[in-house]
């Protein structure tokens, strides 16, 4: 197998380990993928318990959904492919069933821009994608819309999706989303959480994007 395929499979395995350690899902729910190049991605297989997963089980797919090897890719492959096609900068996708994010998803509600790290890293208000059947092209289309200028979104009555320019960034987004969802649910019974003003939101987001870009290029001051 080509070295770049193996590297992407290793990134997905790293993601699986983080998914279990951070308790962002259980069993075989949720899925993870990593971009290989402009033509291929690596994605978790369907119906395999994550604590039993090995690197050779990670499925390689092209952008048309044609796979290599014997493994069956996650049923959410169409959604992953839709995101990669729409957003060339995305290198990794994490779909979780984390409890607080999923709770808000059942309300089919957006999470307003209430926390500094939410705004700077996720991009602001977290949108809830319209409901569609799992594995459908419609769900992929709805997710792409909800992710515009964002690193995370909710899926109505399902869970959450986070993206990043690396697997580490995608998982950082997943953790921040779950923390933000928890804070939103804790604060809401006490009153309406107050949104950060638009000027501050722009400053926070621009600062993060500039800092992350420098870090990716190895230019950040030590």
C-alpha atoms as a PDB file:
ATOM      1  CA  UNK A   1       0.000   0.000   0.000  1.00  0.00           C
ATOM      2  CA  UNK A   2       1.214   3.502  -0.790  1.00  0.00           C
ATOM      3  CA  UNK A   3       2.912   5.348   2.047  1.00  0.00           C
ATOM      4  CA  UNK A   4       0.434   8.251   1.913  1.00  0.00           C
ATOM      5  CA  UNK A   5      -2.448   5.784   2.405  1.00  0.00           C
ATOM      6  CA  UNK A   6      -0.719   4.329   5.462  1.00  0.00           C
ATOM      7  CA  UNK A   7      -0.135   7.806   6.927  1.00  0.00           C
ATOM      8  CA  UNK A   8      -3.845   8.617   6.557  1.00  0.00           C
ATOM      9  CA  UNK A   9      -4.820   5.290   8.130  1.00  0.00           C
ATOM     10  CA  UNK A  10      -2.531   6.052  11.066  1.00  0.00           C
ATOM     11  CA  UNK A  11      -4.189   9.469  11.452  1.00  0.00           C
ATOM     12  CA  UNK A  12      -7.607   7.799  11.610  1.00  0.00           C
ATOM     13  CA  UNK A  13      -6.320   5.323  14.216  1.00  0.00           C
ATOM     14  CA  UNK A  14      -5.022   8.267  16.239  1.00  0.00           C
ATOM     15  CA  UNK A  15      -8.494   9.747  15.986  1.00  0.00           C
ATOM     16  CA  UNK A  16     -10.142   6.529  17.157  1.00  0.00           C
ATOM     17  CA  UNK A  17      -7.915   6.462  20.230  1.00  0.00           C
ATOM     18  CA  UNK A  18      -8.853  10.054  21.035  1.00  0.00           C
ATOM     19  CA  UNK A  19     -12.545   9.340  20.440  1.00  0.00           C
ATOM     20  CA  UNK A  20     -12.484   6.576  23.055  1.00  0.00           C
ATOM     21  CA  UNK A  21     -10.222   8.353  25.551  1.00  0.00           C
ATOM     22  CA  UNK A  22     -12.301  11.533  25.498  1.00  0.00           C
ATOM     23  CA  UNK A  23     -15.578   9.573  25.691  1.00  0.00           C
ATOM     24  CA  UNK A  24     -17.056  11.371  22.700  1.00  0.00           C
ATOM     25  CA  UNK A  25     -18.859   8.225  21.568  1.00  0.00           C
ATOM     26  CA  UNK A  26     -19.266   4.553  22.461  1.00  0.00           C
ATOM     27  CA  UNK A  27     -19.275   1.191  20.707  1.00  0.00           C
ATOM     28  CA  UNK A  28     -18.973   1.731  16.963  1.00  0.00           C
ATOM     29  CA  UNK A  29     -21.029   4.939  16.786  1.00  0.00           C
ATOM     30  CA  UNK A  30     -19.606   8.022  15.131  1.00  0.00           C
ATOM     31  CA  UNK A  31     -16.936   7.980  12.442  1.00  0.00           C
ATOM     32  CA  UNK A  32     -13.616   9.541  11.496  1.00  0.00           C
ATOM     33  CA  UNK A  33     -11.799  10.225   8.248  1.00  0.00           C
ATOM     34  CA  UNK A  34      -8.570  11.793   7.014  1.00  0.00           C
ATOM     35  CA  UNK A  35      -7.713  13.184   3.600  1.00  0.00           C
ATOM     36  CA  UNK A  36      -4.982  11.268   1.763  1.00  0.00           C
ATOM     37  CA  UNK A  37      -4.710  13.714  -1.142  1.00  0.00           C
ATOM     38  CA  UNK A  38      -7.058  15.357  -3.662  1.00  0.00           C
ATOM     39  CA  UNK A  39      -8.253  11.948  -4.856  1.00  0.00           C
ATOM     40  CA  UNK A  40      -8.511   9.697  -1.780  1.00  0.00           C
ATOM     41  CA  UNK A  41      -9.544   9.626   1.872  1.00  0.00           C
ATOM     42  CA  UNK A  42      -9.184   7.072   4.694  1.00  0.00           C
ATOM     43  CA  UNK A  43     -12.315   6.380   6.753  1.00  0.00           C
ATOM     44  CA  UNK A  44     -13.441   4.129   9.599  1.00  0.00           C
ATOM     45  CA  UNK A  45     -15.243   0.920   8.593  1.00  0.00           C
ATOM     46  CA  UNK A  46     -18.910   0.207   9.211  1.00  0.00           C
ATOM     47  CA  UNK A  47     -20.080  -1.733  12.263  1.00  0.00           C
ATOM     48  CA  UNK A  48     -16.700  -2.434  13.881  1.00  0.00           C
ATOM     49  CA  UNK A  49     -16.219  -1.868  17.608  1.00  0.00           C
ATOM     50  CA  UNK A  50     -13.562   0.814  17.895  1.00  0.00           C
ATOM     51  CA  UNK A  51     -11.651  -0.952  20.651  1.00  0.00           C
ATOM     52  CA  UNK A  52     -11.185  -3.863  18.219  1.00  0.00           C
ATOM     53  CA  UNK A  53     -10.128  -1.765  15.241  1.00  0.00           C
ATOM     54  CA  UNK A  54      -6.716  -2.195  13.593  1.00  0.00           C
ATOM     55  CA  UNK A  55      -5.005  -0.012  11.010  1.00  0.00           C
ATOM     56  CA  UNK A  56      -5.539  -2.452   8.150  1.00  0.00           C
ATOM     57  CA  UNK A  57      -9.332  -2.219   8.714  1.00  0.00           C
ATOM     58  CA  UNK A  58      -9.362   1.490   7.824  1.00  0.00           C
ATOM     59  CA  UNK A  59     -10.986   1.834   4.400  1.00  0.00           C
ATOM     60  CA  UNK A  60      -9.489   3.808   1.514  1.00  0.00           C
ATOM     61  CA  UNK A  61     -12.042   5.512  -0.762  1.00  0.00           C
ATOM     62  CA  UNK A  62     -11.752   7.760  -3.775  1.00  0.00           C
ATOM     63  CA  UNK A  63     -13.870  10.883  -4.140  1.00  0.00           C
ATOM     64  CA  UNK A  64     -16.551   8.963  -6.023  1.00  0.00           C
ATOM     65  CA  UNK A  65     -17.034   6.523  -3.147  1.00  0.00           C
ATOM     66  CA  UNK A  66     -15.187   3.609  -4.764  1.00  0.00           C
ATOM     67  CA  UNK A  67     -13.237   1.719  -2.109  1.00  0.00           C
ATOM     68  CA  UNK A  68     -10.124  -0.440  -2.008  1.00  0.00           C
ATOM     69  CA  UNK A  69      -9.870  -3.743  -0.138  1.00  0.00           C
ATOM     70  CA  UNK A  70     -12.554  -5.838   1.541  1.00  0.00           C
ATOM     71  CA  UNK A  71     -13.698  -3.408   4.230  1.00  0.00           C
ATOM     72  CA  UNK A  72     -17.081  -1.693   4.124  1.00  0.00           C
ATOM     73  CA  UNK A  73     -16.768   2.060   4.775  1.00  0.00           C
ATOM     74  CA  UNK A  74     -18.884   3.947   7.277  1.00  0.00           C
ATOM     75  CA  UNK A  75     -22.434   4.540   6.080  1.00  0.00           C
ATOM     76  CA  UNK A  76     -21.675   8.254   6.439  1.00  0.00           C
ATOM     77  CA  UNK A  77     -19.108   8.138   3.612  1.00  0.00           C
ATOM     78  CA  UNK A  78     -21.285  10.407   1.386  1.00  0.00           C
ATOM     79  CA  UNK A  79     -21.224  13.111   4.077  1.00  0.00           C
ATOM     80  CA  UNK A  80     -17.443  12.926   4.460  1.00  0.00           C
ATOM     81  CA  UNK A  81     -16.924  13.126   0.701  1.00  0.00           C
ATOM     82  CA  UNK A  82     -19.302  16.104   0.420  1.00  0.00           C
ATOM     83  CA  UNK A  83     -17.277  18.028   3.015  1.00  0.00           C
ATOM     84  CA  UNK A  84     -13.912  17.241   1.428  1.00  0.00           C
ATOM     85  CA  UNK A  85     -15.188  18.298  -1.990  1.00  0.00           C
ATOM     86  CA  UNK A  86     -16.686  21.544  -0.675  1.00  0.00           C
ATOM     87  CA  UNK A  87     -13.791  22.529   1.591  1.00  0.00           C
ATOM     88  CA  UNK A  88     -10.305  21.715   0.198  1.00  0.00           C
ATOM     89  CA  UNK A  89      -8.652  23.009   3.373  1.00  0.00           C
ATOM     90  CA  UNK A  90     -10.269  20.289   5.502  1.00  0.00           C
ATOM     91  CA  UNK A  91      -7.859  17.430   6.238  1.00  0.00           C
ATOM     92  CA  UNK A  92      -9.809  15.516   8.902  1.00  0.00           C
ATOM     93  CA  UNK A  93     -13.437  14.983   9.921  1.00  0.00           C
ATOM     94  CA  UNK A  94     -14.742  13.746  13.280  1.00  0.00           C
ATOM     95  CA  UNK A  95     -18.404  12.779  13.744  1.00  0.00           C
ATOM     96  CA  UNK A  96     -19.323  12.276  17.402  1.00  0.00           C
ATOM     97  CA  UNK A  97     -22.342  11.270  19.455  1.00  0.00           C
ATOM     98  CA  UNK A  98     -21.194  13.236  22.496  1.00  0.00           C
ATOM     99  CA  UNK A  99     -24.069  13.681  24.979  1.00  0.00           C
ATOM    100  CA  UNK A 100     -24.348  17.458  25.447  1.00  0.00           C
ATOM    101  CA  UNK A 101     -23.989  18.267  21.755  1.00  0.00           C
ATOM    102  CA  UNK A 102     -26.461  15.507  20.906  1.00  0.00           C
ATOM    103  CA  UNK A 103     -28.911  16.851  23.487  1.00  0.00           C
ATOM    104  CA  UNK A 104     -29.011  20.235  21.757  1.00  0.00           C
ATOM    105  CA  UNK A 105     -29.246  18.501  18.388  1.00  0.00           C
ATOM    106  CA  UNK A 106     -32.505  16.894  19.545  1.00  0.00           C
ATOM    107  CA  UNK A 107     -33.867  20.414  20.011  1.00  0.00           C
ATOM    108  CA  UNK A 108     -32.797  21.244  16.426  1.00  0.00           C
ATOM    109  CA  UNK A 109     -31.299  24.420  17.863  1.00  0.00           C
ATOM    110  CA  UNK A 110     -28.166  26.436  17.090  1.00  0.00           C
ATOM    111  CA  UNK A 111     -25.663  27.189  19.856  1.00  0.00           C
ATOM    112  CA  UNK A 112     -25.199  30.985  20.009  1.00  0.00           C
ATOM    113  CA  UNK A 113     -21.726  32.533  20.148  1.00  0.00           C
ATOM    114  CA  UNK A 114     -21.352  32.600  23.933  1.00  0.00           C
ATOM    115  CA  UNK A 115     -17.738  31.530  24.659  1.00  0.00           C
ATOM    116  CA  UNK A 116     -14.396  32.987  23.554  1.00  0.00           C
ATOM    117  CA  UNK A 117     -12.850  29.651  22.536  1.00  0.00           C
ATOM    118  CA  UNK A 118     -16.035  28.653  20.705  1.00  0.00           C
ATOM    119  CA  UNK A 119     -15.831  31.806  18.595  1.00  0.00           C
ATOM    120  CA  UNK A 120     -12.100  31.738  17.936  1.00  0.00           C
ATOM    121  CA  UNK A 121     -11.745  28.022  17.149  1.00  0.00           C
ATOM    122  CA  UNK A 122     -15.180  26.902  15.950  1.00  0.00           C
ATOM    123  CA  UNK A 123     -15.920  30.155  14.118  1.00  0.00           C
ATOM    124  CA  UNK A 124     -18.893  31.521  16.082  1.00  0.00           C
ATOM    125  CA  UNK A 125     -22.482  30.339  16.350  1.00  0.00           C
ATOM    126  CA  UNK A 126     -22.697  26.563  15.897  1.00  0.00           C
ATOM    127  CA  UNK A 127     -25.438  25.818  13.385  1.00  0.00           C
ATOM    128  CA  UNK A 128     -27.686  22.769  13.500  1.00  0.00           C
ATOM    129  CA  UNK A 129     -27.929  21.119  10.077  1.00  0.00           C
ATOM    130  CA  UNK A 130     -31.467  20.297   8.949  1.00  0.00           C
ATOM    131  CA  UNK A 131     -32.595  16.745   9.575  1.00  0.00           C
ATOM    132  CA  UNK A 132     -31.917  14.133   6.897  1.00  0.00           C
ATOM    133  CA  UNK A 133     -31.518  10.365   6.942  1.00  0.00           C
ATOM    134  CA  UNK A 134     -28.104   9.032   7.941  1.00  0.00           C
ATOM    135  CA  UNK A 135     -25.978   8.091   4.946  1.00  0.00           C
ATOM    136  CA  UNK A 136     -27.998  10.210   2.518  1.00  0.00           C
ATOM    137  CA  UNK A 137     -26.628  12.747   0.052  1.00  0.00           C
ATOM    138  CA  UNK A 138     -29.118  15.230   1.516  1.00  0.00           C
ATOM    139  CA  UNK A 139     -27.409  14.949   4.907  1.00  0.00           C
ATOM    140  CA  UNK A 140     -24.082  15.703   3.239  1.00  0.00           C
ATOM    141  CA  UNK A 141     -25.548  18.780   1.549  1.00  0.00           C
ATOM    142  CA  UNK A 142     -27.097  20.006   4.800  1.00  0.00           C
ATOM    143  CA  UNK A 143     -23.819  19.492   6.647  1.00  0.00           C
ATOM    144  CA  UNK A 144     -21.802  21.419   4.062  1.00  0.00           C
ATOM    145  CA  UNK A 145     -24.197  24.376   4.446  1.00  0.00           C
ATOM    146  CA  UNK A 146     -24.043  24.291   8.246  1.00  0.00           C
ATOM    147  CA  UNK A 147     -20.221  24.203   8.203  1.00  0.00           C
ATOM    148  CA  UNK A 148     -19.789  27.324   6.063  1.00  0.00           C
ATOM    149  CA  UNK A 149     -17.074  29.420   7.776  1.00  0.00           C
ATOM    150  CA  UNK A 150     -17.222  27.050  10.748  1.00  0.00           C
ATOM    151  CA  UNK A 151     -15.233  24.131  12.160  1.00  0.00           C
ATOM    152  CA  UNK A 152     -18.243  22.429  13.742  1.00  0.00           C
ATOM    153  CA  UNK A 153     -21.961  21.879  13.372  1.00  0.00           C
ATOM    154  CA  UNK A 154     -24.734  19.827  14.927  1.00  0.00           C
ATOM    155  CA  UNK A 155     -26.858  17.238  13.136  1.00  0.00           C
ATOM    156  CA  UNK A 156     -30.539  17.471  13.973  1.00  0.00           C
ATOM    157  CA  UNK A 157     -31.583  14.521  16.173  1.00  0.00           C
ATOM    158  CA  UNK A 158     -28.236  12.800  15.701  1.00  0.00           C
ATOM    159  CA  UNK A 159     -24.929  14.265  16.898  1.00  0.00           C
ATOM    160  CA  UNK A 160     -22.145  16.573  15.775  1.00  0.00           C
ATOM    161  CA  UNK A 161     -19.494  16.988  13.065  1.00  0.00           C
ATOM    162  CA  UNK A 162     -16.158  18.743  13.506  1.00  0.00           C
ATOM    163  CA  UNK A 163     -13.473  19.444  10.902  1.00  0.00           C
ATOM    164  CA  UNK A 164      -9.875  20.611  10.927  1.00  0.00           C
ATOM    165  CA  UNK A 165      -6.729  21.134   8.939  1.00  0.00           C
ATOM    166  CA  UNK A 166      -5.307  18.268  10.993  1.00  0.00           C
ATOM    167  CA  UNK A 167      -6.711  15.447  13.098  1.00  0.00           C
ATOM    168  CA  UNK A 168      -5.543  17.272  16.224  1.00  0.00           C
ATOM    169  CA  UNK A 169      -7.482  20.396  15.242  1.00  0.00           C
ATOM    170  CA  UNK A 170     -10.619  18.396  14.407  1.00  0.00           C
ATOM    171  CA  UNK A 171     -10.529  16.782  17.861  1.00  0.00           C
ATOM    172  CA  UNK A 172      -9.823  20.072  19.588  1.00  0.00           C
ATOM    173  CA  UNK A 173     -12.978  21.369  17.893  1.00  0.00           C
ATOM    174  CA  UNK A 174     -14.950  18.340  19.069  1.00  0.00           C
ATOM    175  CA  UNK A 175     -13.859  18.919  22.673  1.00  0.00           C
ATOM    176  CA  UNK A 176     -14.632  22.636  22.561  1.00  0.00           C
ATOM    177  CA  UNK A 177     -18.025  21.980  20.989  1.00  0.00           C
ATOM    178  CA  UNK A 178     -18.958  19.504  23.719  1.00  0.00           C
ATOM    179  CA  UNK A 179     -17.783  21.877  26.466  1.00  0.00           C
ATOM    180  CA  UNK A 180     -19.717  24.765  24.907  1.00  0.00           C
ATOM    181  CA  UNK A 181     -22.851  22.632  24.602  1.00  0.00           C
ATOM    182  CA  UNK A 182     -22.578  21.681  28.271  1.00  0.00           C
ATOM    183  CA  UNK A 183     -22.175  25.316  29.349  1.00  0.00           C
ATOM    184  CA  UNK A 184     -25.129  26.366  27.177  1.00  0.00           C
ATOM    185  CA  UNK A 185     -27.364  23.721  28.726  1.00  0.00           C
ATOM    186  CA  UNK A 186     -26.246  24.630  32.267  1.00  0.00           C
ATOM    187  CA  UNK A 187     -26.761  28.366  31.738  1.00  0.00           C
ATOM    188  CA  UNK A 188     -30.077  28.267  29.860  1.00  0.00           C
ATOM    189  CA  UNK A 189     -32.317  27.435  32.879  1.00  0.00           C
ATOM    190  CA  UNK A 190     -30.866  30.502  34.645  1.00  0.00           C
ATOM    191  CA  UNK A 191     -31.622  32.880  31.779  1.00  0.00           C
ATOM    192  CA  UNK A 192     -30.773  33.528  28.147  1.00  0.00           C
ATOM    193  CA  UNK A 193     -26.991  33.193  27.554  1.00  0.00           C
ATOM    194  CA  UNK A 194     -25.606  36.490  26.219  1.00  0.00           C
ATOM    195  CA  UNK A 195     -23.829  36.408  22.850  1.00  0.00           C
ATOM    196  CA  UNK A 196     -20.414  37.972  22.316  1.00  0.00           C
ATOM    197  CA  UNK A 197     -20.672  41.122  20.197  1.00  0.00           C
ATOM    198  CA  UNK A 198     -19.815  40.899  16.494  1.00  0.00           C
ATOM    199  CA  UNK A 199     -16.686  43.093  16.692  1.00  0.00           C
ATOM    200  CA  UNK A 200     -15.197  40.895  19.406  1.00  0.00           C
ATOM    201  CA  UNK A 201     -16.178  37.761  17.473  1.00  0.00           C
ATOM    202  CA  UNK A 202     -14.283  38.963  14.401  1.00  0.00           C
ATOM    203  CA  UNK A 203     -11.206  39.823  16.477  1.00  0.00           C
ATOM    204  CA  UNK A 204     -11.204  36.441  18.229  1.00  0.00           C
ATOM    205  CA  UNK A 205     -11.631  34.486  15.003  1.00  0.00           C
ATOM    206  CA  UNK A 206      -9.016  36.470  13.064  1.00  0.00           C
ATOM    207  CA  UNK A 207      -6.500  36.067  15.888  1.00  0.00           C
ATOM    208  CA  UNK A 208      -6.951  32.287  15.949  1.00  0.00           C
ATOM    209  CA  UNK A 209      -6.793  31.874  12.170  1.00  0.00           C
ATOM    210  CA  UNK A 210      -3.614  33.946  11.985  1.00  0.00           C
ATOM    211  CA  UNK A 211      -2.003  32.107  14.912  1.00  0.00           C
ATOM    212  CA  UNK A 212      -2.989  28.679  13.562  1.00  0.00           C
ATOM    213  CA  UNK A 213      -1.714  29.524  10.086  1.00  0.00           C
ATOM    214  CA  UNK A 214       1.656  30.533  11.510  1.00  0.00           C
ATOM    215  CA  UNK A 215       1.816  27.381  13.615  1.00  0.00           C
ATOM    216  CA  UNK A 216       1.092  25.232  10.559  1.00  0.00           C
ATOM    217  CA  UNK A 217       3.923  26.950   8.708  1.00  0.00           C
ATOM    218  CA  UNK A 218       6.313  26.679  11.654  1.00  0.00           C
ATOM    219  CA  UNK A 219       6.528  30.472  11.980  1.00  0.00           C
ATOM    220  CA  UNK A 220       5.031  30.931  15.452  1.00  0.00           C
ATOM    221  CA  UNK A 221       7.338  32.459  18.061  1.00  0.00           C
ATOM    222  CA  UNK A 222       8.545  29.964  20.642  1.00  0.00           C
END
